[in-house]
Amino acid sequence: GTKVPLRFMYNTGMKATVVALQGELGSGKTTFTQAFGKILGIEENMPSPTFVIMKSYNVDWKGFKKLIHIDAYRLEKKEELIHLGWNELIKDPENIILVEWPERVEKLIPKEAKRIHFKHES
C-alpha cells in the first residue's frame, strides 16, 4: 500500500478539518479510513457507514477529539447531510471529518478541505 504522510493533519483551532476521499467503488477509501482510525487510537471495528451515512468515534490525537466518518454515496442532495448536523460538525475544531464520495455533497465541502484521490492499480 501507499504510505500517506499524516503531517498535513493538524488542528488549526478555527474549524473542523475535512478530508475528502475521492475514488471509484473499491479503490480503498474505507480501508484508508480504518487505518487512519487505528493511528488515532480507535480500537473498535470501523465498518463503512454506507447505510447509516455517518459514524463518530472519540479520539485524542493532536488536538482532535472526534473522528467523523461520512459516506455520502447514498445521499440524494446536500440537505440530507445538513439534517445530520453537518453545519455544527464543521464548526468544531476538535473534529476531523473524513468524507467518502464528497462529489455527492460538493457544495458543502469547504474549499480548504484536504483531498485524497484513490484509484485502482492493475
Protein backbone atom coordinates (compact mmCIF):
# COMPACT_ATOMS: atom_id res chain seq x y z
CA GLY A 1 0.00 0.00 0.00
CA THR A 2 0.91 3.60 -0.47
CA LYS A 3 2.09 5.49 2.61
CA VAL A 4 0.22 8.74 3.22
CA PRO A 5 2.02 11.21 5.47
CA LEU A 6 -0.25 12.48 8.23
CA ARG A 7 1.69 15.69 8.81
CA PHE A 8 -0.93 17.58 6.79
CA MET A 9 -3.43 16.72 9.54
CA TYR A 10 -3.32 19.20 12.35
CA ASN A 11 -5.85 21.06 14.42
CA THR A 12 -5.98 24.65 13.16
CA GLY A 13 -8.15 25.75 16.08
CA MET A 14 -10.55 27.51 13.70
CA LYS A 15 -12.94 24.84 12.44
CA ALA A 16 -13.09 21.14 11.73
CA THR A 17 -10.51 19.54 9.44
CA VAL A 18 -12.30 17.98 6.48
CA VAL A 19 -10.66 15.33 4.30
CA ALA A 20 -12.45 14.48 1.04
CA LEU A 21 -11.77 10.90 -0.07
CA GLN A 22 -12.44 10.54 -3.79
CA GLY A 23 -12.28 7.43 -5.93
CA GLU A 24 -14.18 4.61 -7.55
CA LEU A 25 -16.02 1.91 -5.65
CA GLY A 26 -13.48 -0.45 -4.07
CA SER A 27 -10.50 1.84 -4.55
CA GLY A 28 -9.57 1.96 -0.85
CA LYS A 29 -11.42 4.88 0.76
CA THR A 30 -12.88 2.87 3.64
CA THR A 31 -9.67 0.88 4.12
CA PHE A 32 -7.76 4.17 4.38
CA THR A 33 -10.25 5.48 6.93
CA GLN A 34 -9.93 2.32 9.01
CA ALA A 35 -6.12 2.56 9.01
CA PHE A 36 -6.34 6.27 9.83
CA GLY A 37 -8.65 5.46 12.74
CA LYS A 38 -6.15 2.94 14.11
CA ILE A 39 -3.42 5.61 14.01
CA LEU A 40 -5.73 7.85 16.04
CA GLY A 41 -6.16 5.05 18.59
CA ILE A 42 -9.56 3.68 17.63
CA GLU A 43 -9.63 0.02 18.61
CA GLU A 44 -13.21 -0.83 17.68
CA ASN A 45 -14.22 -2.14 14.27
CA MET A 46 -14.89 0.69 11.80
CA PRO A 47 -17.32 -0.61 9.18
CA SER A 48 -18.28 1.62 6.27
CA PRO A 49 -21.23 3.84 7.26
CA THR A 50 -22.88 3.21 3.87
CA PHE A 51 -26.37 2.73 5.32
CA VAL A 52 -26.16 4.94 8.42
CA ILE A 53 -24.29 7.66 6.46
CA MET A 54 -22.22 8.83 9.44
CA LYS A 55 -20.27 7.29 12.33
CA SER A 56 -18.47 9.18 15.07
CA TYR A 57 -15.52 7.95 17.13
CA ASN A 58 -13.89 9.50 20.18
CA VAL A 59 -10.16 10.14 19.75
CA ASP A 60 -7.41 12.06 21.49
CA TRP A 61 -4.85 12.95 18.83
CA LYS A 62 -3.10 16.25 18.12
CA GLY A 63 -5.99 18.33 19.44
CA PHE A 64 -8.72 16.26 17.81
CA LYS A 65 -11.45 14.74 19.99
CA LYS A 66 -13.70 13.17 17.33
CA LEU A 67 -13.16 11.33 14.06
CA ILE A 68 -16.32 11.53 11.98
CA HIS A 69 -16.60 9.14 9.03
CA ILE A 70 -19.21 10.07 6.44
CA ASP A 71 -20.18 8.00 3.40
CA ALA A 72 -22.19 10.32 1.15
CA TYR A 73 -22.77 7.68 -1.56
CA ARG A 74 -26.46 7.20 -0.72
CA LEU A 75 -27.26 10.89 -0.31
CA GLU A 76 -29.56 12.36 -2.94
CA LYS A 77 -28.97 16.00 -2.02
CA LYS A 78 -26.78 18.07 0.27
CA GLU A 79 -29.71 18.93 2.56
CA GLU A 80 -29.66 15.34 3.83
CA LEU A 81 -26.17 15.91 5.25
CA ILE A 82 -27.25 19.23 6.75
CA HIS A 83 -30.06 17.39 8.57
CA LEU A 84 -27.41 15.12 10.12
CA GLY A 85 -25.78 18.15 11.77
CA TRP A 86 -23.12 18.99 9.16
CA ASN A 87 -23.10 22.73 9.91
CA GLU A 88 -22.39 22.09 13.59
CA LEU A 89 -19.79 19.39 12.88
CA ILE A 90 -17.68 21.61 10.63
CA LYS A 91 -17.63 24.45 13.19
CA ASP A 92 -15.89 22.32 15.84
CA PRO A 93 -12.07 22.48 15.53
CA GLU A 94 -11.80 19.27 17.58
CA ASN A 95 -13.44 17.30 14.75
CA ILE A 96 -11.61 15.62 11.90
CA ILE A 97 -14.13 14.60 9.25
CA LEU A 98 -13.40 12.05 6.52
CA VAL A 99 -15.96 12.16 3.71
CA GLU A 100 -16.27 9.36 1.17
CA TRP A 101 -18.00 10.32 -2.11
CA PRO A 102 -17.61 14.07 -1.46
CA GLU A 103 -18.76 14.82 -5.01
CA ARG A 104 -22.31 13.92 -3.83
CA VAL A 105 -22.24 16.90 -1.44
CA GLU A 106 -19.57 19.02 -3.13
CA LYS A 107 -21.19 22.37 -2.28
CA LEU A 108 -20.80 21.54 1.44
CA ILE A 109 -17.12 20.60 1.28
CA PRO A 110 -15.01 23.56 2.48
CA LYS A 111 -12.59 24.94 -0.10
CA GLU A 112 -9.70 24.35 2.33
CA ALA A 113 -10.56 20.65 2.69
CA LYS A 114 -7.72 18.20 2.14
CA ARG A 115 -8.34 15.90 -0.84
CA ILE A 116 -7.06 12.40 -1.37
CA HIS A 117 -7.74 10.67 -4.69
CA PHE A 118 -7.83 6.87 -4.80
CA LYS A 119 -7.55 4.77 -7.92
CA HIS A 120 -7.31 1.13 -8.88
CA GLU A 121 -3.89 -0.08 -9.96
CA SER A 122 -3.62 -3.10 -12.24
